[in-house]
Amino acid sequence: MGIRAFGKKLNADNQTLDAERLCERFKDYDFVPIADSVCRSRTKIAGEIKRMRIKPRSGIPAVELVINDGTGEATVIFSGRKSIPGVDHGKCIMVDGVPHKVGDRTVVLNPAYTLLG
């Protein structure tokens, strides 16, 4: 690392550093960046789990994850589940589903998923 790169890292804020780290982490995979995902079109996106909660929707339990790949965030909702084995904060997950917009959020309902190492 050169002196300029070191100086930039000192002046960068935490969100910028985290975004760079996540972009670097997912660049070798063949997934669509969350920021470039097309609504209402089946796609594979991946990201690191930033937030996780159990949120009932119409009286039915649902696990809600917020994933981030450095380019953007997506909310992934698994209806009818109270937990998902192996899924926890900081883990990486790939989801295969159809994203859509709810307000300014990208949401994927009940996708197929794979935990990444």
N, C-alpha and C. Protein backbone atom coordinates (compact mmCIF):
# COMPACT_ATOMS: atom_id res chain seq x y z
N MET A 1 0.85 -1.16 0.00
CA MET A 1 0.00 0.00 0.00
C MET A 1 0.89 1.23 0.00
N GLY A 2 0.61 2.14 -0.94
CA GLY A 2 1.40 3.36 -1.04
C GLY A 2 0.98 4.40 -0.03
N ILE A 3 1.70 5.48 0.01
CA ILE A 3 1.43 6.56 0.96
C ILE A 3 0.09 7.22 0.65
N ARG A 4 -0.21 7.41 -0.64
CA ARG A 4 -1.50 8.04 -1.01
C ARG A 4 -2.67 7.17 -0.60
N ALA A 5 -2.58 5.87 -0.88
CA ALA A 5 -3.66 4.95 -0.51
C ALA A 5 -3.85 4.93 1.00
N PHE A 6 -2.75 4.96 1.74
CA PHE A 6 -2.83 4.98 3.20
C PHE A 6 -3.49 6.28 3.67
N GLY A 7 -3.14 7.39 3.05
CA GLY A 7 -3.74 8.68 3.39
C GLY A 7 -5.23 8.70 3.10
N LYS A 8 -5.64 8.11 1.99
CA LYS A 8 -7.07 8.05 1.66
C LYS A 8 -7.83 7.23 2.70
N LYS A 9 -7.24 6.11 3.13
CA LYS A 9 -7.90 5.28 4.13
C LYS A 9 -8.05 6.01 5.45
N LEU A 10 -7.08 6.84 5.80
CA LEU A 10 -7.18 7.61 7.04
C LEU A 10 -8.31 8.62 6.98
N ASN A 11 -8.55 9.19 5.81
CA ASN A 11 -9.57 10.23 5.66
C ASN A 11 -10.96 9.67 5.33
N ALA A 12 -11.06 8.42 4.93
CA ALA A 12 -12.35 7.84 4.55
C ALA A 12 -13.19 7.53 5.79
N ASP A 13 -14.50 7.63 5.64
CA ASP A 13 -15.37 7.29 6.75
C ASP A 13 -15.65 5.78 6.76
N ASN A 14 -16.26 5.31 7.82
CA ASN A 14 -16.49 3.87 7.99
C ASN A 14 -17.39 3.28 6.92
N GLN A 15 -18.43 4.00 6.48
CA GLN A 15 -19.33 3.47 5.47
C GLN A 15 -18.61 3.27 4.13
N THR A 16 -17.75 4.21 3.78
CA THR A 16 -17.00 4.08 2.53
C THR A 16 -16.05 2.89 2.60
N LEU A 17 -15.37 2.73 3.72
CA LEU A 17 -14.45 1.60 3.88
C LEU A 17 -15.21 0.28 3.84
N ASP A 18 -16.38 0.23 4.48
CA ASP A 18 -17.19 -1.00 4.48
C ASP A 18 -17.67 -1.32 3.07
N ALA A 19 -18.11 -0.31 2.33
CA ALA A 19 -18.57 -0.52 0.95
C ALA A 19 -17.44 -1.05 0.08
N GLU A 20 -16.24 -0.49 0.23
CA GLU A 20 -15.09 -0.97 -0.55
C GLU A 20 -14.76 -2.42 -0.19
N ARG A 21 -14.81 -2.74 1.11
CA ARG A 21 -14.52 -4.10 1.56
C ARG A 21 -15.52 -5.09 0.97
N LEU A 22 -16.80 -4.72 0.97
CA LEU A 22 -17.83 -5.62 0.44
C LEU A 22 -17.72 -5.77 -1.07
N CYS A 23 -17.45 -4.68 -1.78
CA CYS A 23 -17.27 -4.78 -3.23
C CYS A 23 -16.11 -5.71 -3.57
N GLU A 24 -15.04 -5.60 -2.82
CA GLU A 24 -13.88 -6.46 -3.03
C GLU A 24 -14.22 -7.92 -2.73
N ARG A 25 -15.04 -8.13 -1.71
CA ARG A 25 -15.40 -9.50 -1.29
C ARG A 25 -16.24 -10.21 -2.34
N PHE A 26 -17.11 -9.49 -3.04
CA PHE A 26 -18.05 -10.13 -3.97
C PHE A 26 -17.67 -9.97 -5.44
N LYS A 27 -16.51 -9.36 -5.73
CA LYS A 27 -16.16 -9.11 -7.13
C LYS A 27 -15.86 -10.38 -7.92
N ASP A 28 -15.40 -11.44 -7.25
CA ASP A 28 -15.04 -12.68 -7.95
C ASP A 28 -16.25 -13.57 -8.25
N TYR A 29 -17.38 -13.30 -7.62
CA TYR A 29 -18.59 -14.09 -7.87
C TYR A 29 -19.32 -13.55 -9.09
N ASP A 30 -20.11 -14.41 -9.71
CA ASP A 30 -20.86 -14.02 -10.91
C ASP A 30 -22.29 -13.65 -10.53
N PHE A 31 -22.44 -12.65 -9.66
CA PHE A 31 -23.75 -12.20 -9.24
C PHE A 31 -23.99 -10.79 -9.74
N VAL A 32 -25.25 -10.42 -9.84
CA VAL A 32 -25.62 -9.06 -10.22
C VAL A 32 -25.45 -8.17 -8.99
N PRO A 33 -24.78 -7.03 -9.11
CA PRO A 33 -24.72 -6.11 -7.97
C PRO A 33 -26.13 -5.65 -7.59
N ILE A 34 -26.37 -5.48 -6.31
CA ILE A 34 -27.70 -5.10 -5.85
C ILE A 34 -28.15 -3.80 -6.50
N ALA A 35 -27.26 -2.85 -6.66
CA ALA A 35 -27.61 -1.57 -7.27
C ALA A 35 -28.05 -1.73 -8.73
N ASP A 36 -27.57 -2.78 -9.41
CA ASP A 36 -27.89 -3.00 -10.82
C ASP A 36 -29.01 -4.02 -11.03
N SER A 37 -29.60 -4.54 -9.95
CA SER A 37 -30.64 -5.55 -10.10
C SER A 37 -31.88 -4.95 -10.76
N VAL A 38 -32.49 -5.73 -11.65
CA VAL A 38 -33.66 -5.29 -12.39
C VAL A 38 -34.91 -5.83 -11.70
N CYS A 39 -35.84 -4.93 -11.42
CA CYS A 39 -37.08 -5.34 -10.75
C CYS A 39 -37.91 -6.23 -11.65
N ARG A 40 -38.59 -7.18 -11.02
CA ARG A 40 -39.50 -8.11 -11.69
C ARG A 40 -38.81 -8.98 -12.73
N SER A 41 -37.54 -9.27 -12.47
CA SER A 41 -36.77 -10.15 -13.33
C SER A 41 -35.93 -11.06 -12.44
N ARG A 42 -36.03 -12.36 -12.66
CA ARG A 42 -35.30 -13.31 -11.81
C ARG A 42 -33.81 -13.03 -11.87
N THR A 43 -33.20 -12.95 -10.70
CA THR A 43 -31.79 -12.60 -10.62
C THR A 43 -31.14 -13.21 -9.39
N LYS A 44 -29.83 -13.33 -9.44
CA LYS A 44 -29.05 -13.81 -8.28
C LYS A 44 -28.27 -12.63 -7.73
N ILE A 45 -28.49 -12.34 -6.46
CA ILE A 45 -27.73 -11.30 -5.78
C ILE A 45 -27.12 -11.90 -4.53
N ALA A 46 -26.06 -11.30 -4.07
CA ALA A 46 -25.40 -11.80 -2.86
C ALA A 46 -24.99 -10.62 -2.01
N GLY A 47 -24.85 -10.87 -0.72
CA GLY A 47 -24.42 -9.81 0.18
C GLY A 47 -24.15 -10.35 1.56
N GLU A 48 -23.64 -9.46 2.38
CA GLU A 48 -23.38 -9.77 3.78
C GLU A 48 -24.61 -9.35 4.59
N ILE A 49 -25.01 -10.19 5.53
CA ILE A 49 -26.20 -9.90 6.33
C ILE A 49 -25.86 -8.79 7.32
N LYS A 50 -26.54 -7.67 7.20
CA LYS A 50 -26.32 -6.52 8.06
C LYS A 50 -27.33 -6.47 9.21
N ARG A 51 -28.57 -6.80 8.92
CA ARG A 51 -29.62 -6.79 9.94
C ARG A 51 -30.49 -8.02 9.77
N MET A 52 -31.03 -8.49 10.87
CA MET A 52 -31.88 -9.68 10.84
C MET A 52 -32.91 -9.53 11.94
N ARG A 53 -34.17 -9.79 11.61
CA ARG A 53 -35.22 -9.74 12.63
C ARG A 53 -36.38 -10.64 12.23
N ILE A 54 -37.15 -11.02 13.25
CA ILE A 54 -38.37 -11.77 13.01
C ILE A 54 -39.50 -10.77 13.09
N LYS A 55 -40.24 -10.65 12.01
CA LYS A 55 -41.29 -9.64 11.93
C LYS A 55 -42.56 -10.29 11.40
N PRO A 56 -43.59 -10.41 12.23
CA PRO A 56 -44.84 -11.00 11.74
C PRO A 56 -45.45 -10.13 10.63
N ARG A 57 -45.92 -10.79 9.60
CA ARG A 57 -46.60 -10.12 8.49
C ARG A 57 -47.97 -10.75 8.35
N SER A 58 -49.00 -9.98 8.65
CA SER A 58 -50.39 -10.46 8.62
C SER A 58 -50.59 -11.66 9.53
N GLY A 59 -49.94 -11.65 10.70
CA GLY A 59 -50.08 -12.73 11.67
C GLY A 59 -49.23 -13.94 11.40
N ILE A 60 -48.47 -13.94 10.31
CA ILE A 60 -47.61 -15.07 9.95
C ILE A 60 -46.16 -14.67 10.25
N PRO A 61 -45.39 -15.53 10.94
CA PRO A 61 -44.00 -15.16 11.22
C PRO A 61 -43.19 -15.04 9.93
N ALA A 62 -42.22 -14.15 9.95
CA ALA A 62 -41.35 -13.97 8.79
C ALA A 62 -39.97 -13.53 9.26
N VAL A 63 -38.95 -14.10 8.65
CA VAL A 63 -37.57 -13.68 8.91
C VAL A 63 -37.23 -12.64 7.86
N GLU A 64 -36.76 -11.49 8.32
CA GLU A 64 -36.41 -10.39 7.42
C GLU A 64 -34.92 -10.11 7.55
N LEU A 65 -34.21 -10.20 6.43
CA LEU A 65 -32.76 -9.94 6.39
C LEU A 65 -32.50 -8.70 5.54
N VAL A 66 -31.53 -7.92 5.92
CA VAL A 66 -31.04 -6.84 5.07
C VAL A 66 -29.62 -7.22 4.69
N ILE A 67 -29.39 -7.37 3.37
CA ILE A 67 -28.07 -7.74 2.89
C ILE A 67 -27.46 -6.56 2.13
N ASN A 68 -26.13 -6.49 2.15
CA ASN A 68 -25.42 -5.40 1.51
C ASN A 68 -24.21 -5.98 0.78
N ASP A 69 -24.02 -5.54 -0.48
CA ASP A 69 -22.85 -6.01 -1.24
C ASP A 69 -21.87 -4.89 -1.55
N GLY A 70 -22.05 -3.75 -0.93
CA GLY A 70 -21.18 -2.61 -1.18
C GLY A 70 -21.75 -1.63 -2.19
N THR A 71 -22.63 -2.12 -3.08
CA THR A 71 -23.26 -1.23 -4.06
C THR A 71 -24.64 -0.78 -3.61
N GLY A 72 -25.24 -1.52 -2.69
CA GLY A 72 -26.57 -1.20 -2.21
C GLY A 72 -27.07 -2.25 -1.25
N GLU A 73 -28.29 -2.05 -0.77
CA GLU A 73 -28.90 -2.97 0.18
C GLU A 73 -30.17 -3.56 -0.42
N ALA A 74 -30.50 -4.77 0.01
CA ALA A 74 -31.75 -5.43 -0.36
C ALA A 74 -32.33 -6.08 0.88
N THR A 75 -33.65 -6.06 0.98
CA THR A 75 -34.35 -6.72 2.07
C THR A 75 -34.85 -8.05 1.55
N VAL A 76 -34.53 -9.12 2.25
CA VAL A 76 -34.93 -10.47 1.86
C VAL A 76 -35.90 -10.97 2.92
N ILE A 77 -37.09 -11.40 2.51
CA ILE A 77 -38.13 -11.82 3.45
C ILE A 77 -38.46 -13.29 3.20
N PHE A 78 -38.37 -14.09 4.27
CA PHE A 78 -38.75 -15.49 4.23
C PHE A 78 -40.03 -15.64 5.05
N SER A 79 -41.17 -15.76 4.38
CA SER A 79 -42.46 -15.87 5.06
C SER A 79 -42.65 -17.25 5.66
N GLY A 80 -43.33 -17.29 6.82
CA GLY A 80 -43.67 -18.55 7.46
C GLY A 80 -42.52 -19.19 8.21
N ARG A 81 -41.46 -18.45 8.47
CA ARG A 81 -40.30 -19.00 9.18
C ARG A 81 -40.01 -18.15 10.40
N LYS A 82 -39.61 -18.83 11.47
CA LYS A 82 -39.18 -18.12 12.68
C LYS A 82 -37.67 -18.07 12.78
N SER A 83 -36.99 -18.95 12.06
CA SER A 83 -35.53 -18.95 12.04
C SER A 83 -35.07 -19.69 10.78
N ILE A 84 -33.81 -19.45 10.43
CA ILE A 84 -33.19 -20.14 9.31
C ILE A 84 -31.84 -20.64 9.81
N PRO A 85 -31.64 -21.95 9.86
CA PRO A 85 -30.36 -22.48 10.38
C PRO A 85 -29.17 -21.97 9.58
N GLY A 86 -28.13 -21.55 10.27
CA GLY A 86 -26.90 -21.10 9.64
C GLY A 86 -26.89 -19.64 9.24
N VAL A 87 -28.03 -18.98 9.29
CA VAL A 87 -28.10 -17.58 8.90
C VAL A 87 -27.93 -16.71 10.13
N ASP A 88 -26.92 -15.81 10.09
CA ASP A 88 -26.63 -14.94 11.22
C ASP A 88 -25.96 -13.67 10.72
N HIS A 89 -25.86 -12.67 11.58
CA HIS A 89 -25.22 -11.40 11.22
C HIS A 89 -23.79 -11.64 10.75
N GLY A 90 -23.41 -10.92 9.69
CA GLY A 90 -22.04 -11.00 9.20
C GLY A 90 -21.79 -12.14 8.22
N LYS A 91 -22.72 -13.08 8.11
CA LYS A 91 -22.55 -14.19 7.16
C LYS A 91 -22.91 -13.69 5.76
N CYS A 92 -22.39 -14.38 4.76
CA CYS A 92 -22.68 -14.04 3.37
C CYS A 92 -23.72 -15.01 2.82
N ILE A 93 -24.64 -14.47 2.04
CA ILE A 93 -25.72 -15.27 1.49
C ILE A 93 -25.96 -14.86 0.04
N MET A 94 -26.28 -15.84 -0.80
CA MET A 94 -26.70 -15.59 -2.17
C MET A 94 -28.17 -15.93 -2.25
N VAL A 95 -28.96 -15.04 -2.83
CA VAL A 95 -30.39 -15.29 -2.99
C VAL A 95 -30.73 -15.27 -4.47
N ASP A 96 -31.61 -16.18 -4.85
CA ASP A 96 -32.07 -16.30 -6.23
C ASP A 96 -33.57 -16.08 -6.22
N GLY A 97 -34.00 -14.92 -6.70
CA GLY A 97 -35.42 -14.60 -6.66
C GLY A 97 -35.73 -13.41 -7.55
N VAL A 98 -36.93 -12.87 -7.34
CA VAL A 98 -37.41 -11.75 -8.15
C VAL A 98 -37.51 -10.51 -7.27
N PRO A 99 -36.59 -9.57 -7.44
CA PRO A 99 -36.66 -8.35 -6.63
C PRO A 99 -37.76 -7.41 -7.12
N HIS A 100 -38.32 -6.65 -6.20
CA HIS A 100 -39.26 -5.59 -6.55
C HIS A 100 -39.03 -4.42 -5.61
N LYS A 101 -39.59 -3.28 -5.92
CA LYS A 101 -39.41 -2.08 -5.12
C LYS A 101 -40.62 -1.88 -4.20
N VAL A 102 -40.33 -1.56 -2.95
CA VAL A 102 -41.33 -1.15 -1.99
C VAL A 102 -40.83 0.19 -1.45
N GLY A 103 -41.40 1.27 -1.94
CA GLY A 103 -40.86 2.58 -1.62
C GLY A 103 -39.50 2.73 -2.28
N ASP A 104 -38.47 2.97 -1.48
CA ASP A 104 -37.12 3.07 -2.03
C ASP A 104 -36.28 1.84 -1.74
N ARG A 105 -36.91 0.78 -1.16
CA ARG A 105 -36.19 -0.45 -0.83
C ARG A 105 -36.34 -1.49 -1.93
N THR A 106 -35.29 -2.29 -2.12
CA THR A 106 -35.36 -3.46 -2.99
C THR A 106 -35.71 -4.65 -2.10
N VAL A 107 -36.78 -5.37 -2.44
CA VAL A 107 -37.28 -6.47 -1.62
C VAL A 107 -37.37 -7.74 -2.46
N VAL A 108 -36.92 -8.86 -1.86
CA VAL A 108 -37.03 -10.17 -2.49
C VAL A 108 -37.80 -11.07 -1.53
N LEU A 109 -38.92 -11.63 -2.00
CA LEU A 109 -39.77 -12.48 -1.16
C LEU A 109 -39.51 -13.95 -1.43
N ASN A 110 -39.31 -14.72 -0.36
CA ASN A 110 -39.16 -16.17 -0.40
C ASN A 110 -38.23 -16.68 -1.51
N PRO A 111 -36.99 -16.21 -1.54
CA PRO A 111 -36.07 -16.68 -2.58
C PRO A 111 -35.43 -18.00 -2.20
N ALA A 112 -34.84 -18.65 -3.20
CA ALA A 112 -33.92 -19.75 -2.93
C ALA A 112 -32.64 -19.10 -2.42
N TYR A 113 -31.93 -19.75 -1.52
CA TYR A 113 -30.73 -19.13 -0.97
C TYR A 113 -29.62 -20.15 -0.80
N THR A 114 -28.39 -19.65 -0.80
CA THR A 114 -27.20 -20.44 -0.55
C THR A 114 -26.30 -19.64 0.37
N LEU A 115 -25.83 -20.28 1.43
CA LEU A 115 -24.87 -19.61 2.32
C LEU A 115 -23.49 -19.70 1.67
N LEU A 116 -22.77 -18.59 1.67
CA LEU A 116 -21.44 -18.53 1.06
C LEU A 116 -20.38 -18.60 2.14
N GLY A 117 -19.26 -19.20 1.83
CA GLY A 117 -18.17 -19.35 2.79
C GLY A 117 -17.36 -18.10 2.95
